[in-house]
Amino acid sequence: MLSSSVIRHISENCPNIDTLTLDRCVIGPHIKNSQFPLKLKVLTLRSAIFVRRASFFENIWKNLKHLEELRIDNLQNFRKADCYAVIESRDIDFDIKSLNGFCFIFYRKV
């Protein structure tokens, strides 16, 4: 279970981090995308499970203004509502790759 203190520690101590990969973790409803480092350019969620009421992806492009790429790899419970939350505007495009499962790659059009 990913704790808020870990995300807060990364955001406070690594403010210039531009790539973050969360692999095989449980992300609870207490984790918001607005808590992540603001200069993040690439966020990868691999084999993660979400325990939540609302979509973690709501307003992700607005909250992380430098985010260029969002990779969702083998996500256990990525729902249709999550997909709609990610593709919130015409400025967002995506690819789907099949490696060892499906990988959705969302990116901001330049």
C-alpha atoms as a PDB file:
ATOM      1  CA  MET A   1       0.000   0.000   0.000  1.00  0.00           C
ATOM      2  CA  LEU A   2       1.554   3.271  -1.149  1.00  0.00           C
ATOM      3  CA  SER A   3       1.459   5.836   1.621  1.00  0.00           C
ATOM      4  CA  SER A   4       0.917   9.575   1.320  1.00  0.00           C
ATOM      5  CA  SER A   5       4.160  10.150   3.197  1.00  0.00           C
ATOM      6  CA  VAL A   6       6.162   8.410   0.434  1.00  0.00           C
ATOM      7  CA  ILE A   7       4.632  10.623  -2.265  1.00  0.00           C
ATOM      8  CA  ARG A   8       5.083  13.708  -0.067  1.00  0.00           C
ATOM      9  CA  HIS A   9       8.731  12.754   0.562  1.00  0.00           C
ATOM     10  CA  ILE A  10       9.395  12.362  -3.181  1.00  0.00           C
ATOM     11  CA  SER A  11       7.645  15.660  -3.998  1.00  0.00           C
ATOM     12  CA  GLU A  12       9.471  17.612  -1.291  1.00  0.00           C
ATOM     13  CA  ASN A  13      12.934  16.062  -1.657  1.00  0.00           C
ATOM     14  CA  CYS A  14      13.004  15.494  -5.420  1.00  0.00           C
ATOM     15  CA  PRO A  15      11.079  18.492  -6.814  1.00  0.00           C
ATOM     16  CA  ASN A  16      12.848  18.292 -10.191  1.00  0.00           C
ATOM     17  CA  ILE A  17      12.182  14.611 -10.797  1.00  0.00           C
ATOM     18  CA  ASP A  18      10.726  14.214 -14.276  1.00  0.00           C
ATOM     19  CA  THR A  19      10.102  10.445 -14.454  1.00  0.00           C
ATOM     20  CA  LEU A  20       8.364   8.264 -11.888  1.00  0.00           C
ATOM     21  CA  THR A  21       7.413   4.590 -12.129  1.00  0.00           C
ATOM     22  CA  LEU A  22       5.118   2.965  -9.594  1.00  0.00           C
ATOM     23  CA  ASP A  23       5.390  -0.798  -9.956  1.00  0.00           C
ATOM     24  CA  ARG A  24       3.238  -3.404  -8.194  1.00  0.00           C
ATOM     25  CA  CYS A  25       1.701  -1.167  -5.568  1.00  0.00           C
ATOM     26  CA  VAL A  26      -1.738  -0.517  -4.161  1.00  0.00           C
ATOM     27  CA  ILE A  27      -2.863   3.087  -4.465  1.00  0.00           C
ATOM     28  CA  GLY A  28      -5.550   3.989  -1.965  1.00  0.00           C
ATOM     29  CA  PRO A  29      -8.130   6.786  -2.039  1.00  0.00           C
ATOM     30  CA  HIS A  30      -5.837   8.984   0.086  1.00  0.00           C
ATOM     31  CA  ILE A  31      -3.393   9.382  -2.850  1.00  0.00           C
ATOM     32  CA  LYS A  32      -4.238  12.207  -5.260  1.00  0.00           C
ATOM     33  CA  ASN A  33      -2.421  12.988  -8.500  1.00  0.00           C
ATOM     34  CA  SER A  34      -2.008  16.593  -7.292  1.00  0.00           C
ATOM     35  CA  GLN A  35       0.404  15.287  -4.602  1.00  0.00           C
ATOM     36  CA  PHE A  36       2.947  14.137  -7.199  1.00  0.00           C
ATOM     37  CA  PRO A  37       6.012  16.219  -8.151  1.00  0.00           C
ATOM     38  CA  LEU A  38       4.859  19.148 -10.267  1.00  0.00           C
ATOM     39  CA  LYS A  39       7.697  18.858 -12.821  1.00  0.00           C
ATOM     40  CA  LEU A  40       6.860  15.254 -13.626  1.00  0.00           C
ATOM     41  CA  LYS A  41       6.984  14.584 -17.392  1.00  0.00           C
ATOM     42  CA  VAL A  42       6.499  10.800 -17.476  1.00  0.00           C
ATOM     43  CA  LEU A  43       4.381   8.822 -15.025  1.00  0.00           C
ATOM     44  CA  THR A  44       4.250   5.034 -15.367  1.00  0.00           C
ATOM     45  CA  LEU A  45       1.829   2.901 -13.404  1.00  0.00           C
ATOM     46  CA  ARG A  46       2.727  -0.775 -13.789  1.00  0.00           C
ATOM     47  CA  SER A  47       0.736  -3.634 -12.279  1.00  0.00           C
ATOM     48  CA  ALA A  48      -0.878  -1.263  -9.784  1.00  0.00           C
ATOM     49  CA  ILE A  49      -4.224  -1.736  -8.085  1.00  0.00           C
ATOM     50  CA  PHE A  50      -6.478   1.190  -7.170  1.00  0.00           C
ATOM     51  CA  VAL A  51      -8.660   1.186  -4.088  1.00  0.00           C
ATOM     52  CA  ARG A  52     -10.846   4.226  -4.532  1.00  0.00           C
ATOM     53  CA  ARG A  53     -14.171   5.914  -4.849  1.00  0.00           C
ATOM     54  CA  ALA A  54     -13.285   8.406  -7.609  1.00  0.00           C
ATOM     55  CA  SER A  55     -10.822   8.129 -10.472  1.00  0.00           C
ATOM     56  CA  PHE A  56      -7.177   8.787  -9.603  1.00  0.00           C
ATOM     57  CA  PHE A  57      -6.838  10.210 -13.120  1.00  0.00           C
ATOM     58  CA  GLU A  58      -9.383  13.033 -12.725  1.00  0.00           C
ATOM     59  CA  ASN A  59      -7.676  16.346 -13.699  1.00  0.00           C
ATOM     60  CA  ILE A  60      -4.260  14.691 -13.998  1.00  0.00           C
ATOM     61  CA  TRP A  61      -3.226  16.874 -16.965  1.00  0.00           C
ATOM     62  CA  LYS A  62      -4.312  20.045 -15.147  1.00  0.00           C
ATOM     63  CA  ASN A  63      -2.668  19.096 -11.858  1.00  0.00           C
ATOM     64  CA  LEU A  64       0.583  17.953 -13.484  1.00  0.00           C
ATOM     65  CA  LYS A  65       1.069  20.697 -16.057  1.00  0.00           C
ATOM     66  CA  HIS A  66       4.447  19.355 -17.278  1.00  0.00           C
ATOM     67  CA  LEU A  67       3.187  15.797 -17.746  1.00  0.00           C
ATOM     68  CA  GLU A  68       3.852  14.707 -21.314  1.00  0.00           C
ATOM     69  CA  GLU A  69       3.287  10.968 -21.058  1.00  0.00           C
ATOM     70  CA  LEU A  70       1.167   8.698 -18.887  1.00  0.00           C
ATOM     71  CA  ARG A  71       1.865   4.962 -19.211  1.00  0.00           C
ATOM     72  CA  ILE A  72      -0.604   2.481 -17.823  1.00  0.00           C
ATOM     73  CA  ASP A  73       0.897  -0.980 -17.999  1.00  0.00           C
ATOM     74  CA  ASN A  74      -1.002  -4.080 -16.883  1.00  0.00           C
ATOM     75  CA  LEU A  75      -3.223  -2.065 -14.559  1.00  0.00           C
ATOM     76  CA  GLN A  76      -5.481  -4.390 -12.621  1.00  0.00           C
ATOM     77  CA  ASN A  77      -8.610  -2.252 -12.518  1.00  0.00           C
ATOM     78  CA  PHE A  78      -8.406   0.477 -15.166  1.00  0.00           C
ATOM     79  CA  ARG A  79     -12.072   1.239 -15.867  1.00  0.00           C
ATOM     80  CA  LYS A  80     -13.862   3.036 -18.652  1.00  0.00           C
ATOM     81  CA  ALA A  81     -14.423   6.026 -16.334  1.00  0.00           C
ATOM     82  CA  ASP A  82     -10.652   6.192 -15.799  1.00  0.00           C
ATOM     83  CA  CYS A  83     -10.073   6.255 -19.540  1.00  0.00           C
ATOM     84  CA  TYR A  84     -12.553   9.124 -19.926  1.00  0.00           C
ATOM     85  CA  ALA A  85     -10.839  10.999 -17.083  1.00  0.00           C
ATOM     86  CA  VAL A  86      -7.458  10.647 -18.824  1.00  0.00           C
ATOM     87  CA  ILE A  87      -8.749  11.681 -22.243  1.00  0.00           C
ATOM     88  CA  GLU A  88     -10.293  14.898 -20.986  1.00  0.00           C
ATOM     89  CA  SER A  89      -9.577  17.037 -24.050  1.00  0.00           C
ATOM     90  CA  ARG A  90      -8.609  16.906 -27.696  1.00  0.00           C
ATOM     91  CA  ASP A  91      -5.020  17.655 -26.664  1.00  0.00           C
ATOM     92  CA  ILE A  92      -4.612  14.107 -25.347  1.00  0.00           C
ATOM     93  CA  ASP A  93      -3.826  11.203 -27.672  1.00  0.00           C
ATOM     94  CA  PHE A  94      -2.949   7.573 -26.984  1.00  0.00           C
ATOM     95  CA  ASP A  95      -1.353   4.375 -28.244  1.00  0.00           C
ATOM     96  CA  ILE A  96      -1.952   0.810 -27.163  1.00  0.00           C
ATOM     97  CA  LYS A  97       0.910  -1.679 -27.133  1.00  0.00           C
ATOM     98  CA  SER A  98       0.836  -5.356 -26.336  1.00  0.00           C
ATOM     99  CA  LEU A  99       4.005  -6.651 -24.721  1.00  0.00           C
ATOM    100  CA  ASN A 100       3.344  -8.855 -21.695  1.00  0.00           C
ATOM    101  CA  GLY A 101      -0.195  -7.553 -21.436  1.00  0.00           C
ATOM    102  CA  PHE A 102      -1.626  -4.269 -22.600  1.00  0.00           C
ATOM    103  CA  CYS A 103       0.122  -0.965 -22.166  1.00  0.00           C
ATOM    104  CA  PHE A 104      -1.837   2.240 -22.710  1.00  0.00           C
ATOM    105  CA  ILE A 105       0.325   5.248 -23.459  1.00  0.00           C
ATOM    106  CA  PHE A 106      -1.430   8.587 -23.190  1.00  0.00           C
ATOM    107  CA  TYR A 107       0.390  11.718 -24.217  1.00  0.00           C
ATOM    108  CA  ARG A 108      -0.201  15.401 -24.547  1.00  0.00           C
ATOM    109  CA  LYS A 109      -0.136  16.563 -28.179  1.00  0.00           C
ATOM    110  CA  VAL A 110       2.446  19.225 -28.888  1.00  0.00           C
END
